[in-house]
Amino acid sequence: MMTHTSHPARLVVPVSERDHALGPPEAPVTLVEYGDFECPFCGMAYPEIKLIRNRLGNQLRFVYRHFPRPEHAHAKHAAEAAECAAAQGEDKFWAMHDLLFEHQQALDDAHLRQYAGEIGVDLQRFTDDMAQHSYLERVHQDLEGGAHSDVHGTPTFFVNGERYEGGTRASDMYREILKHVGAEARLHRSFTDEVDEASAESFPASDPPGWIPAHA
């Protein structure tokens, strides 16, 4: 069995203005996810991360970075689609981000264009940017940054720059985040019951898990 010490504990590429982020920069906690739009475990994490974000509000800054896995045929194009949307407004990135996770079984190019239409971007510009792979390098930059932080599976999370390697339930991550937030948020313990009810499995990562020790 691998131990936690076999992986670097820190996020190598710090969060900056280039990142896609929800929440204020001054939030006491920054949660970074390296994710893959076609990864089923990222899909499981998606609603639970939204629940945590909604619960903590401005006390949390959430950052999404691309880490499309090679075994997922549509993951890289989906990441490109999110970046093509982002080129037309940061709000378009997050709208596309949500649609991609909510329709993981339909990520072919025709559906990507459909989603672009639904979120209201300039379809001709979107189509041209996709055809020219205008933002593929942006996706590759996230991949390289993740590799430098020894990310392998998705989702992999970092809490205030430290790799999250705790329990696999959303309530476990919430408790970890609360350590960084302050006394007021710690009073909301009932949230752990909410997320436990929402998912008994929570969000295990894939090949190998982002924070679960791998077995030889």
N, C-alpha and C. Protein backbone atom coordinates (compact mmCIF):
# COMPACT_ATOMS: atom_id res chain seq x y z
N MET A 1 0.85 -1.20 0.00
CA MET A 1 0.00 0.00 0.00
C MET A 1 0.88 1.24 0.00
N MET A 2 0.49 2.25 -0.83
CA MET A 2 1.21 3.50 -0.84
C MET A 2 0.77 4.33 0.35
N THR A 3 1.68 5.09 0.89
CA THR A 3 1.33 5.97 2.00
C THR A 3 1.13 7.37 1.48
N HIS A 4 0.52 8.22 2.31
CA HIS A 4 0.30 9.59 1.90
C HIS A 4 1.60 10.32 1.62
N THR A 5 2.70 9.92 2.25
CA THR A 5 3.97 10.59 2.06
C THR A 5 4.57 10.31 0.70
N SER A 6 3.97 9.42 -0.08
CA SER A 6 4.50 9.12 -1.40
C SER A 6 4.11 10.18 -2.41
N HIS A 7 3.26 11.15 -2.03
CA HIS A 7 2.83 12.21 -2.92
C HIS A 7 3.20 13.57 -2.34
N PRO A 8 3.55 14.55 -3.18
CA PRO A 8 3.74 15.90 -2.68
C PRO A 8 2.47 16.38 -2.01
N ALA A 9 2.63 17.16 -0.93
CA ALA A 9 1.48 17.60 -0.17
C ALA A 9 0.94 18.94 -0.64
N ARG A 10 1.67 19.64 -1.50
CA ARG A 10 1.31 21.00 -1.83
C ARG A 10 0.93 21.17 -3.30
N LEU A 11 0.10 22.18 -3.55
CA LEU A 11 -0.26 22.59 -4.90
C LEU A 11 0.91 23.38 -5.46
N VAL A 12 1.51 22.89 -6.53
CA VAL A 12 2.72 23.51 -7.06
C VAL A 12 2.42 24.82 -7.78
N VAL A 13 1.36 24.85 -8.58
CA VAL A 13 0.99 26.06 -9.31
C VAL A 13 -0.04 26.82 -8.49
N PRO A 14 0.33 27.98 -7.92
CA PRO A 14 -0.61 28.69 -7.06
C PRO A 14 -1.79 29.25 -7.85
N VAL A 15 -2.88 29.47 -7.16
CA VAL A 15 -4.06 30.07 -7.79
C VAL A 15 -3.74 31.50 -8.17
N SER A 16 -4.17 31.88 -9.38
CA SER A 16 -3.89 33.23 -9.88
C SER A 16 -5.08 33.73 -10.68
N GLU A 17 -4.94 34.90 -11.28
CA GLU A 17 -6.02 35.50 -12.05
C GLU A 17 -6.37 34.69 -13.29
N ARG A 18 -5.48 33.82 -13.73
CA ARG A 18 -5.75 33.01 -14.92
C ARG A 18 -6.77 31.91 -14.63
N ASP A 19 -6.95 31.60 -13.36
CA ASP A 19 -7.81 30.48 -12.99
C ASP A 19 -9.29 30.84 -13.10
N HIS A 20 -10.09 29.79 -13.27
CA HIS A 20 -11.54 29.93 -13.19
C HIS A 20 -11.93 29.73 -11.74
N ALA A 21 -12.48 30.78 -11.15
CA ALA A 21 -12.75 30.75 -9.71
C ALA A 21 -14.12 31.33 -9.40
N LEU A 22 -14.78 30.72 -8.42
CA LEU A 22 -16.03 31.23 -7.86
C LEU A 22 -15.78 31.54 -6.39
N GLY A 23 -16.14 32.74 -5.99
CA GLY A 23 -15.90 33.15 -4.62
C GLY A 23 -14.80 34.19 -4.56
N PRO A 24 -14.77 34.96 -3.49
CA PRO A 24 -13.82 36.07 -3.39
C PRO A 24 -12.39 35.61 -3.13
N PRO A 25 -11.40 36.32 -3.67
CA PRO A 25 -9.99 35.96 -3.43
C PRO A 25 -9.63 35.97 -1.95
N GLU A 26 -10.33 36.81 -1.16
CA GLU A 26 -10.01 36.92 0.26
C GLU A 26 -10.70 35.86 1.11
N ALA A 27 -11.43 34.93 0.49
CA ALA A 27 -12.09 33.87 1.25
C ALA A 27 -11.07 33.10 2.08
N PRO A 28 -11.44 32.68 3.28
CA PRO A 28 -10.48 31.97 4.13
C PRO A 28 -10.07 30.61 3.59
N VAL A 29 -10.88 30.04 2.68
CA VAL A 29 -10.54 28.73 2.12
C VAL A 29 -10.62 28.78 0.61
N THR A 30 -9.58 28.25 -0.03
CA THR A 30 -9.59 28.05 -1.48
C THR A 30 -9.54 26.55 -1.75
N LEU A 31 -10.56 26.06 -2.44
CA LEU A 31 -10.65 24.65 -2.81
C LEU A 31 -10.38 24.53 -4.30
N VAL A 32 -9.33 23.81 -4.67
CA VAL A 32 -8.97 23.60 -6.07
C VAL A 32 -9.32 22.17 -6.45
N GLU A 33 -10.02 22.04 -7.56
CA GLU A 33 -10.31 20.71 -8.10
C GLU A 33 -9.62 20.54 -9.44
N TYR A 34 -8.88 19.45 -9.59
CA TYR A 34 -8.44 18.99 -10.91
C TYR A 34 -9.46 17.95 -11.35
N GLY A 35 -10.19 18.28 -12.44
CA GLY A 35 -11.29 17.43 -12.83
C GLY A 35 -11.34 17.12 -14.31
N ASP A 36 -12.23 16.21 -14.64
CA ASP A 36 -12.42 15.69 -15.99
C ASP A 36 -13.93 15.63 -16.21
N PHE A 37 -14.41 16.31 -17.25
CA PHE A 37 -15.85 16.41 -17.46
C PHE A 37 -16.51 15.07 -17.78
N GLU A 38 -15.74 14.09 -18.20
CA GLU A 38 -16.30 12.78 -18.52
C GLU A 38 -16.09 11.76 -17.40
N CYS A 39 -15.35 12.13 -16.39
CA CYS A 39 -15.06 11.22 -15.28
C CYS A 39 -16.31 11.02 -14.43
N PRO A 40 -16.76 9.79 -14.24
CA PRO A 40 -17.97 9.57 -13.44
C PRO A 40 -17.82 10.00 -12.00
N PHE A 41 -16.61 9.91 -11.45
CA PHE A 41 -16.40 10.31 -10.07
C PHE A 41 -16.44 11.83 -9.92
N CYS A 42 -15.96 12.54 -10.94
CA CYS A 42 -16.11 14.00 -10.94
C CYS A 42 -17.59 14.37 -11.04
N GLY A 43 -18.32 13.57 -11.81
CA GLY A 43 -19.75 13.81 -11.91
C GLY A 43 -20.45 13.60 -10.58
N MET A 44 -19.99 12.63 -9.82
CA MET A 44 -20.54 12.40 -8.48
C MET A 44 -20.18 13.54 -7.54
N ALA A 45 -18.99 14.09 -7.71
CA ALA A 45 -18.54 15.17 -6.84
C ALA A 45 -19.26 16.47 -7.14
N TYR A 46 -19.66 16.67 -8.40
CA TYR A 46 -20.20 17.96 -8.84
C TYR A 46 -21.34 18.48 -7.97
N PRO A 47 -22.41 17.73 -7.73
CA PRO A 47 -23.49 18.30 -6.91
C PRO A 47 -23.10 18.51 -5.46
N GLU A 48 -22.17 17.70 -4.97
CA GLU A 48 -21.78 17.82 -3.58
C GLU A 48 -20.87 19.03 -3.37
N ILE A 49 -20.02 19.31 -4.35
CA ILE A 49 -19.21 20.52 -4.27
C ILE A 49 -20.13 21.75 -4.33
N LYS A 50 -21.16 21.69 -5.17
CA LYS A 50 -22.12 22.80 -5.22
C LYS A 50 -22.80 22.99 -3.86
N LEU A 51 -23.11 21.89 -3.21
CA LEU A 51 -23.74 21.95 -1.89
C LEU A 51 -22.80 22.61 -0.88
N ILE A 52 -21.54 22.23 -0.91
CA ILE A 52 -20.55 22.84 -0.01
C ILE A 52 -20.40 24.32 -0.33
N ARG A 53 -20.32 24.66 -1.62
CA ARG A 53 -20.18 26.06 -2.02
C ARG A 53 -21.37 26.88 -1.55
N ASN A 54 -22.56 26.36 -1.76
CA ASN A 54 -23.76 27.09 -1.35
C ASN A 54 -23.82 27.27 0.15
N ARG A 55 -23.35 26.28 0.88
CA ARG A 55 -23.39 26.35 2.34
C ARG A 55 -22.41 27.39 2.87
N LEU A 56 -21.23 27.45 2.29
CA LEU A 56 -20.19 28.33 2.82
C LEU A 56 -20.20 29.73 2.20
N GLY A 57 -20.81 29.88 1.03
CA GLY A 57 -20.91 31.20 0.42
C GLY A 57 -19.56 31.84 0.21
N ASN A 58 -19.42 33.09 0.66
CA ASN A 58 -18.19 33.85 0.44
C ASN A 58 -17.03 33.41 1.31
N GLN A 59 -17.24 32.41 2.13
CA GLN A 59 -16.12 31.89 2.92
C GLN A 59 -15.29 30.89 2.13
N LEU A 60 -15.74 30.57 0.90
CA LEU A 60 -15.03 29.59 0.08
C LEU A 60 -14.81 30.14 -1.32
N ARG A 61 -13.59 29.99 -1.81
CA ARG A 61 -13.29 30.22 -3.22
C ARG A 61 -13.04 28.86 -3.86
N PHE A 62 -13.80 28.56 -4.91
CA PHE A 62 -13.68 27.28 -5.60
C PHE A 62 -13.02 27.50 -6.96
N VAL A 63 -11.99 26.71 -7.24
CA VAL A 63 -11.23 26.83 -8.48
C VAL A 63 -11.30 25.50 -9.22
N TYR A 64 -11.63 25.57 -10.51
CA TYR A 64 -11.66 24.35 -11.33
C TYR A 64 -10.53 24.39 -12.33
N ARG A 65 -9.76 23.30 -12.38
CA ARG A 65 -8.69 23.13 -13.36
C ARG A 65 -8.92 21.83 -14.14
N HIS A 66 -8.53 21.87 -15.40
CA HIS A 66 -8.75 20.72 -16.28
C HIS A 66 -7.70 19.64 -16.08
N PHE A 67 -8.18 18.40 -16.03
CA PHE A 67 -7.28 17.24 -16.03
C PHE A 67 -7.95 16.11 -16.79
N PRO A 68 -8.20 16.31 -18.11
CA PRO A 68 -8.89 15.27 -18.89
C PRO A 68 -8.07 13.99 -18.95
N ARG A 69 -8.70 12.89 -18.62
CA ARG A 69 -8.02 11.60 -18.61
C ARG A 69 -7.99 11.01 -20.02
N PRO A 70 -6.89 10.36 -20.41
CA PRO A 70 -6.79 9.83 -21.77
C PRO A 70 -7.79 8.73 -22.09
N GLU A 71 -8.30 8.03 -21.08
CA GLU A 71 -9.25 6.96 -21.35
C GLU A 71 -10.66 7.48 -21.61
N HIS A 72 -10.87 8.78 -21.44
CA HIS A 72 -12.18 9.39 -21.68
C HIS A 72 -12.13 10.12 -23.02
N ALA A 73 -12.81 9.54 -24.01
CA ALA A 73 -12.67 9.98 -25.39
C ALA A 73 -13.09 11.42 -25.62
N HIS A 74 -14.04 11.92 -24.84
CA HIS A 74 -14.58 13.25 -25.09
C HIS A 74 -14.08 14.29 -24.08
N ALA A 75 -13.26 13.87 -23.14
CA ALA A 75 -12.91 14.76 -22.03
C ALA A 75 -12.13 15.99 -22.49
N LYS A 76 -11.17 15.79 -23.37
CA LYS A 76 -10.34 16.93 -23.78
C LYS A 76 -11.15 17.91 -24.61
N HIS A 77 -11.99 17.42 -25.52
CA HIS A 77 -12.83 18.33 -26.31
C HIS A 77 -13.81 19.07 -25.40
N ALA A 78 -14.32 18.39 -24.39
CA ALA A 78 -15.22 19.05 -23.45
C ALA A 78 -14.49 20.17 -22.70
N ALA A 79 -13.25 19.90 -22.31
CA ALA A 79 -12.45 20.94 -21.65
C ALA A 79 -12.22 22.12 -22.59
N GLU A 80 -11.93 21.82 -23.87
CA GLU A 80 -11.77 22.89 -24.85
C GLU A 80 -13.06 23.69 -24.99
N ALA A 81 -14.19 23.00 -24.99
CA ALA A 81 -15.47 23.69 -25.11
C ALA A 81 -15.69 24.65 -23.95
N ALA A 82 -15.31 24.24 -22.76
CA ALA A 82 -15.44 25.13 -21.60
C ALA A 82 -14.57 26.36 -21.76
N GLU A 83 -13.37 26.17 -22.33
CA GLU A 83 -12.47 27.30 -22.53
C GLU A 83 -12.95 28.21 -23.66
N CYS A 84 -13.53 27.61 -24.70
CA CYS A 84 -14.09 28.44 -25.78
C CYS A 84 -15.25 29.27 -25.25
N ALA A 85 -16.02 28.69 -24.35
CA ALA A 85 -17.09 29.46 -23.72
C ALA A 85 -16.52 30.56 -22.84
N ALA A 86 -15.47 30.24 -22.09
CA ALA A 86 -14.85 31.22 -21.20
C ALA A 86 -14.32 32.42 -21.95
N ALA A 87 -13.90 32.21 -23.20
CA ALA A 87 -13.38 33.32 -24.01
C ALA A 87 -14.45 34.37 -24.27
N GLN A 88 -15.71 33.98 -24.08
CA GLN A 88 -16.82 34.91 -24.29
C GLN A 88 -17.44 35.37 -22.96
N GLY A 89 -16.72 35.13 -21.88
CA GLY A 89 -17.18 35.59 -20.58
C GLY A 89 -17.00 34.52 -19.52
N GLU A 90 -16.49 34.91 -18.36
CA GLU A 90 -16.25 33.94 -17.30
C GLU A 90 -17.54 33.26 -16.86
N ASP A 91 -18.65 34.00 -16.91
CA ASP A 91 -19.92 33.38 -16.55
C ASP A 91 -20.29 32.27 -17.52
N LYS A 92 -19.83 32.39 -18.78
CA LYS A 92 -20.10 31.35 -19.77
C LYS A 92 -19.30 30.09 -19.46
N PHE A 93 -18.11 30.26 -18.91
CA PHE A 93 -17.34 29.08 -18.50
C PHE A 93 -18.12 28.26 -17.48
N TRP A 94 -18.64 28.95 -16.45
CA TRP A 94 -19.31 28.22 -15.38
C TRP A 94 -20.64 27.64 -15.84
N ALA A 95 -21.31 28.34 -16.77
CA ALA A 95 -22.54 27.77 -17.33
C ALA A 95 -22.23 26.50 -18.11
N MET A 96 -21.15 26.53 -18.88
CA MET A 96 -20.75 25.34 -19.64
C MET A 96 -20.28 24.24 -18.70
N HIS A 97 -19.49 24.59 -17.72
CA HIS A 97 -19.02 23.65 -16.70
C HIS A 97 -20.21 22.86 -16.12
N ASP A 98 -21.27 23.56 -15.76
CA ASP A 98 -22.42 22.91 -15.16
C ASP A 98 -23.12 21.99 -16.16
N LEU A 99 -23.31 22.47 -17.39
CA LEU A 99 -24.00 21.65 -18.39
C LEU A 99 -23.21 20.39 -18.72
N LEU A 100 -21.90 20.50 -18.78
CA LEU A 100 -21.08 19.34 -19.11
C LEU A 100 -21.19 18.27 -18.04
N PHE A 101 -21.17 18.67 -16.79
CA PHE A 101 -21.30 17.68 -15.72
C PHE A 101 -22.72 17.14 -15.63
N GLU A 102 -23.68 17.93 -15.99
CA GLU A 102 -25.08 17.48 -15.93
C GLU A 102 -25.46 16.60 -17.12
N HIS A 103 -24.61 16.57 -18.15
CA HIS A 103 -24.88 15.76 -19.35
C HIS A 103 -23.63 14.97 -19.75
N GLN A 104 -23.07 14.27 -18.77
CA GLN A 104 -21.81 13.56 -19.01
C GLN A 104 -21.92 12.49 -20.08
N GLN A 105 -23.10 11.97 -20.32
CA GLN A 105 -23.25 10.90 -21.30
C GLN A 105 -23.42 11.43 -22.72
N ALA A 106 -23.38 12.74 -22.89
CA ALA A 106 -23.57 13.35 -24.21
C ALA A 106 -22.57 14.47 -24.40
N LEU A 107 -21.32 14.09 -24.66
CA LEU A 107 -20.24 15.07 -24.78
C LEU A 107 -19.59 15.06 -26.16
N ASP A 108 -20.29 14.52 -27.15
CA ASP A 108 -19.76 14.58 -28.52
C ASP A 108 -19.83 16.02 -29.01
N ASP A 109 -19.16 16.29 -30.14
CA ASP A 109 -19.05 17.67 -30.61
C ASP A 109 -20.40 18.31 -30.91
N ALA A 110 -21.34 17.53 -31.44
CA ALA A 110 -22.66 18.09 -31.74
C ALA A 110 -23.34 18.58 -30.46
N HIS A 111 -23.23 17.80 -29.40
CA HIS A 111 -23.84 18.22 -28.14
C HIS A 111 -23.08 19.40 -27.53
N LEU A 112 -21.76 19.44 -27.69
CA LEU A 112 -21.01 20.58 -27.17
C LEU A 112 -21.50 21.87 -27.82
N ARG A 113 -21.74 21.81 -29.13
CA ARG A 113 -22.26 22.99 -29.83
C ARG A 113 -23.67 23.32 -29.34
N GLN A 114 -24.47 22.30 -29.09
CA GLN A 114 -25.82 22.53 -28.56
C GLN A 114 -25.76 23.25 -27.22
N TYR A 115 -24.86 22.81 -26.34
CA TYR A 115 -24.74 23.45 -25.03
C TYR A 115 -24.28 24.89 -25.17
N ALA A 116 -23.39 25.12 -26.13
CA ALA A 116 -22.93 26.50 -26.37
C ALA A 116 -24.10 27.39 -26.74
N GLY A 117 -25.00 26.85 -27.56
CA GLY A 117 -26.18 27.62 -27.91
C GLY A 117 -27.07 27.88 -26.71
N GLU A 118 -27.19 26.90 -25.84
CA GLU A 118 -28.05 27.03 -24.67
C GLU A 118 -27.55 28.11 -23.71
N ILE A 119 -26.23 28.27 -23.63
CA ILE A 119 -25.70 29.27 -22.68
C ILE A 119 -25.55 30.64 -23.33
N GLY A 120 -25.85 30.73 -24.62
CA GLY A 120 -25.93 32.03 -25.26
C GLY A 120 -24.63 32.63 -25.77
N VAL A 121 -23.65 31.79 -26.12
CA VAL A 121 -22.43 32.33 -26.71
C VAL A 121 -22.63 32.53 -28.21
N ASP A 122 -21.72 33.27 -28.83
CA ASP A 122 -21.69 33.42 -30.29
C ASP A 122 -21.31 32.07 -30.88
N LEU A 123 -22.26 31.41 -31.53
CA LEU A 123 -22.02 30.04 -32.00
C LEU A 123 -20.97 29.97 -33.09
N GLN A 124 -20.92 30.95 -33.96
CA GLN A 124 -19.93 30.91 -35.02
C GLN A 124 -18.52 31.04 -34.44
N ARG A 125 -18.37 31.96 -33.51
CA ARG A 125 -17.07 32.12 -32.86
C ARG A 125 -16.69 30.86 -32.09
N PHE A 126 -17.67 30.28 -31.38
CA PHE A 126 -17.41 29.06 -30.63
C PHE A 126 -16.98 27.94 -31.57
N THR A 127 -17.71 27.77 -32.68
CA THR A 127 -17.40 26.70 -33.64
C THR A 127 -16.02 26.89 -34.24
N ASP A 128 -15.68 28.13 -34.58
CA ASP A 128 -14.36 28.41 -35.15
C ASP A 128 -13.26 28.13 -34.14
N ASP A 129 -13.47 28.55 -32.90
CA ASP A 129 -12.45 28.33 -31.86
C ASP A 129 -12.26 26.84 -31.61
N MET A 130 -13.34 26.07 -31.62
CA MET A 130 -13.22 24.63 -31.43
C MET A 130 -12.46 23.99 -32.59
N ALA A 131 -12.80 24.39 -33.82
CA ALA A 131 -12.16 23.81 -35.00
C ALA A 131 -10.66 24.13 -35.04
N GLN A 132 -10.31 25.31 -34.55
CA GLN A 132 -8.92 25.74 -34.58
C GLN A 132 -8.16 25.36 -33.30
N HIS A 133 -8.85 24.73 -32.37
CA HIS A 133 -8.25 24.36 -31.07
C HIS A 133 -7.59 25.57 -30.43
N SER A 134 -8.32 26.67 -30.45
CA SER A 134 -7.75 27.96 -30.01
C SER A 134 -7.32 27.94 -28.55
N TYR A 135 -7.96 27.12 -27.73
CA TYR A 135 -7.66 27.13 -26.29
C TYR A 135 -7.16 25.79 -25.78
N LEU A 136 -6.69 24.95 -26.69
CA LEU A 136 -6.13 23.66 -26.28
C LEU A 136 -4.91 23.85 -25.40
N GLU A 137 -4.10 24.86 -25.70
CA GLU A 137 -2.91 25.11 -24.90
C GLU A 137 -3.29 25.45 -23.46
N ARG A 138 -4.40 26.14 -23.29
CA ARG A 138 -4.88 26.48 -21.94
C ARG A 138 -5.21 25.20 -21.16
N VAL A 139 -5.81 24.24 -21.83
CA VAL A 139 -6.10 22.95 -21.20
C VAL A 139 -4.79 22.24 -20.86
N HIS A 140 -3.85 22.27 -21.79
CA HIS A 140 -2.56 21.62 -21.55
C HIS A 140 -1.82 22.24 -20.37
N GLN A 141 -1.95 23.55 -20.21
CA GLN A 141 -1.30 24.21 -19.07
C GLN A 141 -1.83 23.67 -17.75
N ASP A 142 -3.15 23.48 -17.67
CA ASP A 142 -3.72 22.89 -16.46
C ASP A 142 -3.21 21.47 -16.25
N LEU A 143 -3.16 20.69 -17.32
CA LEU A 143 -2.65 19.32 -17.23
C LEU A 143 -1.22 19.30 -16.71
N GLU A 144 -0.39 20.16 -17.25
CA GLU A 144 1.01 20.20 -16.83
C GLU A 144 1.13 20.62 -15.38
N GLY A 145 0.32 21.61 -14.99
CA GLY A 145 0.35 22.04 -13.59
C GLY A 145 -0.09 20.93 -12.66
N GLY A 146 -1.11 20.19 -13.06
CA GLY A 146 -1.53 19.06 -12.25
C GLY A 146 -0.46 18.00 -12.14
N ALA A 147 0.21 17.73 -13.25
CA ALA A 147 1.28 16.73 -13.24
C ALA A 147 2.40 17.15 -12.29
N HIS A 148 2.70 18.44 -12.25
CA HIS A 148 3.75 18.93 -11.34
C HIS A 148 3.34 18.77 -9.88
N SER A 149 2.04 18.77 -9.62
CA SER A 149 1.54 18.53 -8.26
C SER A 149 1.26 17.05 -8.03
N ASP A 150 1.71 16.21 -8.96
CA ASP A 150 1.57 14.75 -8.87
C ASP A 150 0.11 14.31 -8.84
N VAL A 151 -0.71 15.03 -9.62
CA VAL A 151 -2.10 14.60 -9.79
C VAL A 151 -2.11 13.44 -10.78
N HIS A 152 -2.85 12.41 -10.45
CA HIS A 152 -3.00 11.26 -11.33
C HIS A 152 -4.46 10.98 -11.63
N GLY A 153 -5.27 10.90 -10.59
CA GLY A 153 -6.68 10.58 -10.76
C GLY A 153 -7.55 11.81 -10.66
N THR A 154 -8.79 11.63 -11.04
CA THR A 154 -9.77 12.71 -10.92
C THR A 154 -11.00 12.20 -10.17
N PRO A 155 -11.57 13.05 -9.32
CA PRO A 155 -11.10 14.39 -8.99
C PRO A 155 -9.99 14.35 -7.95
N THR A 156 -9.08 15.32 -8.03
CA THR A 156 -8.10 15.53 -6.98
C THR A 156 -8.30 16.94 -6.45
N PHE A 157 -8.34 17.08 -5.14
CA PHE A 157 -8.63 18.36 -4.50
C PHE A 157 -7.45 18.85 -3.67
N PHE A 158 -7.34 20.17 -3.60
CA PHE A 158 -6.38 20.84 -2.72
C PHE A 158 -7.13 21.87 -1.90
N VAL A 159 -6.93 21.85 -0.59
CA VAL A 159 -7.55 22.80 0.32
C VAL A 159 -6.48 23.74 0.84
N ASN A 160 -6.60 25.02 0.47
CA ASN A 160 -5.58 26.01 0.81
C ASN A 160 -4.18 25.52 0.45
N GLY A 161 -4.08 24.94 -0.72
CA GLY A 161 -2.78 24.53 -1.25
C GLY A 161 -2.30 23.18 -0.81
N GLU A 162 -3.02 22.53 0.08
CA GLU A 162 -2.62 21.21 0.57
C GLU A 162 -3.53 20.14 -0.03
N ARG A 163 -2.93 19.07 -0.54
CA ARG A 163 -3.73 18.00 -1.11
C ARG A 163 -4.68 17.43 -0.06
N TYR A 164 -5.94 17.30 -0.48
CA TYR A 164 -6.92 16.69 0.41
C TYR A 164 -6.81 15.17 0.29
N GLU A 165 -6.52 14.51 1.41
CA GLU A 165 -6.38 13.06 1.42
C GLU A 165 -7.19 12.44 2.55
N GLY A 166 -8.27 13.12 2.89
CA GLY A 166 -9.12 12.63 3.96
C GLY A 166 -10.14 11.64 3.47
N GLY A 167 -11.23 11.53 4.22
CA GLY A 167 -12.28 10.59 3.89
C GLY A 167 -12.97 10.93 2.58
N THR A 168 -13.70 9.96 2.04
CA THR A 168 -14.28 10.11 0.71
C THR A 168 -15.71 10.65 0.73
N ARG A 169 -16.26 10.93 1.89
CA ARG A 169 -17.58 11.54 1.95
C ARG A 169 -17.46 13.06 1.86
N ALA A 170 -18.48 13.67 1.28
CA ALA A 170 -18.50 15.13 1.20
C ALA A 170 -18.44 15.75 2.60
N SER A 171 -19.07 15.09 3.56
CA SER A 171 -19.04 15.61 4.93
C SER A 171 -17.62 15.62 5.49
N ASP A 172 -16.79 14.68 5.07
CA ASP A 172 -15.40 14.65 5.51
C ASP A 172 -14.64 15.87 4.98
N MET A 173 -14.85 16.15 3.69
CA MET A 173 -14.20 17.33 3.11
C MET A 173 -14.71 18.60 3.77
N TYR A 174 -16.00 18.65 4.04
CA TYR A 174 -16.58 19.83 4.68
C TYR A 174 -15.93 20.07 6.04
N ARG A 175 -15.75 19.01 6.80
CA ARG A 175 -15.11 19.16 8.11
C ARG A 175 -13.68 19.68 7.95
N GLU A 176 -12.97 19.20 6.94
CA GLU A 176 -11.61 19.68 6.69
C GLU A 176 -11.63 21.16 6.35
N ILE A 177 -12.57 21.57 5.51
CA ILE A 177 -12.68 22.98 5.14
C ILE A 177 -13.00 23.84 6.35
N LEU A 178 -13.87 23.33 7.23
CA LEU A 178 -14.25 24.10 8.41
C LEU A 178 -13.06 24.43 9.30
N LYS A 179 -12.05 23.59 9.26
CA LYS A 179 -10.85 23.86 10.08
C LYS A 179 -10.22 25.19 9.69
N HIS A 180 -10.43 25.59 8.45
CA HIS A 180 -9.80 26.81 7.95
C HIS A 180 -10.73 28.02 7.97
N VAL A 181 -12.00 27.80 8.27
CA VAL A 181 -12.99 28.86 8.08
C VAL A 181 -13.15 29.76 9.30
N GLY A 182 -13.36 29.18 10.46
CA GLY A 182 -13.60 29.99 11.65
C GLY A 182 -14.77 29.47 12.44
N ALA A 183 -14.94 30.03 13.62
CA ALA A 183 -15.91 29.51 14.58
C ALA A 183 -17.34 29.59 14.08
N GLU A 184 -17.69 30.65 13.37
CA GLU A 184 -19.09 30.81 12.96
C GLU A 184 -19.53 29.67 12.05
N ALA A 185 -18.71 29.35 11.04
CA ALA A 185 -19.08 28.28 10.12
C ALA A 185 -19.08 26.94 10.81
N ARG A 186 -18.23 26.77 11.81
CA ARG A 186 -18.16 25.49 12.50
C ARG A 186 -19.46 25.17 13.24
N LEU A 187 -20.29 26.16 13.46
CA LEU A 187 -21.54 25.93 14.13
C LEU A 187 -22.53 25.16 13.26
N HIS A 188 -22.30 25.16 11.93
CA HIS A 188 -23.25 24.54 11.01
C HIS A 188 -22.98 23.05 10.85
N ARG A 189 -22.95 22.34 11.93
CA ARG A 189 -22.62 20.92 11.88
C ARG A 189 -23.71 20.11 11.19
N SER A 190 -24.94 20.64 11.17
CA SER A 190 -26.03 19.88 10.57
C SER A 190 -25.79 19.62 9.09
N PHE A 191 -24.91 20.41 8.49
CA PHE A 191 -24.61 20.22 7.07
C PHE A 191 -24.05 18.83 6.82
N THR A 192 -23.29 18.30 7.75
CA THR A 192 -22.71 16.98 7.52
C THR A 192 -23.79 15.93 7.35
N ASP A 193 -24.92 16.11 8.02
CA ASP A 193 -26.04 15.18 7.83
C ASP A 193 -26.65 15.35 6.44
N GLU A 194 -26.73 16.60 5.97
CA GLU A 194 -27.30 16.86 4.65
C GLU A 194 -26.50 16.16 3.55
N VAL A 195 -25.19 16.29 3.60
CA VAL A 195 -24.39 15.71 2.53
C VAL A 195 -24.33 14.20 2.65
N ASP A 196 -24.39 13.67 3.86
CA ASP A 196 -24.44 12.23 4.00
C ASP A 196 -25.70 11.66 3.37
N GLU A 197 -26.81 12.37 3.54
CA GLU A 197 -28.06 11.91 2.93
C GLU A 197 -28.01 12.04 1.42
N ALA A 198 -27.32 13.09 0.92
CA ALA A 198 -27.26 13.32 -0.52
C ALA A 198 -26.49 12.21 -1.22
N SER A 199 -25.47 11.66 -0.57
CA SER A 199 -24.68 10.61 -1.20
C SER A 199 -23.97 9.77 -0.17
N ALA A 200 -24.28 8.52 -0.13
CA ALA A 200 -23.60 7.62 0.80
C ALA A 200 -22.21 7.28 0.30
N GLU A 201 -21.99 7.41 -1.01
CA GLU A 201 -20.71 7.06 -1.59
C GLU A 201 -19.76 8.24 -1.65
N SER A 202 -20.33 9.45 -1.81
CA SER A 202 -19.56 10.67 -2.01
C SER A 202 -18.74 10.57 -3.27
N PHE A 203 -17.47 11.07 -3.26
CA PHE A 203 -16.79 11.18 -4.54
C PHE A 203 -15.41 10.53 -4.52
N PRO A 204 -15.36 9.21 -4.66
CA PRO A 204 -14.05 8.56 -4.83
C PRO A 204 -13.42 8.99 -6.13
N ALA A 205 -12.10 9.01 -6.20
CA ALA A 205 -11.41 9.43 -7.41
C ALA A 205 -11.04 8.22 -8.24
N SER A 206 -10.40 8.46 -9.39
CA SER A 206 -10.17 7.37 -10.33
C SER A 206 -8.70 7.26 -10.69
N ASP A 207 -8.17 6.09 -10.71
CA ASP A 207 -6.94 5.65 -11.34
C ASP A 207 -5.72 6.54 -11.17
N PRO A 208 -5.04 6.58 -10.05
CA PRO A 208 -5.51 6.12 -8.75
C PRO A 208 -6.31 7.23 -8.10
N PRO A 209 -7.03 6.95 -7.01
CA PRO A 209 -7.79 8.00 -6.35
C PRO A 209 -6.91 9.18 -5.99
N GLY A 210 -7.50 10.37 -6.08
CA GLY A 210 -6.73 11.58 -5.83
C GLY A 210 -6.27 11.71 -4.39
N TRP A 211 -7.04 11.14 -3.43
CA TRP A 211 -6.60 11.27 -2.04
C TRP A 211 -6.68 9.96 -1.28
N ILE A 212 -7.18 8.90 -1.92
CA ILE A 212 -7.26 7.61 -1.24
C ILE A 212 -6.00 6.81 -1.53
N PRO A 213 -5.32 6.26 -0.53
CA PRO A 213 -4.11 5.48 -0.79
C PRO A 213 -4.39 4.36 -1.79
N ALA A 214 -3.50 4.19 -2.76
CA ALA A 214 -3.67 3.12 -3.75
C ALA A 214 -3.09 1.83 -3.21
N HIS A 215 -3.67 0.72 -3.62
CA HIS A 215 -3.19 -0.60 -3.21
C HIS A 215 -2.33 -1.17 -4.31
N ALA A 216 -1.26 -1.80 -3.93
CA ALA A 216 -0.36 -2.42 -4.92
C ALA A 216 -1.04 -3.61 -5.55
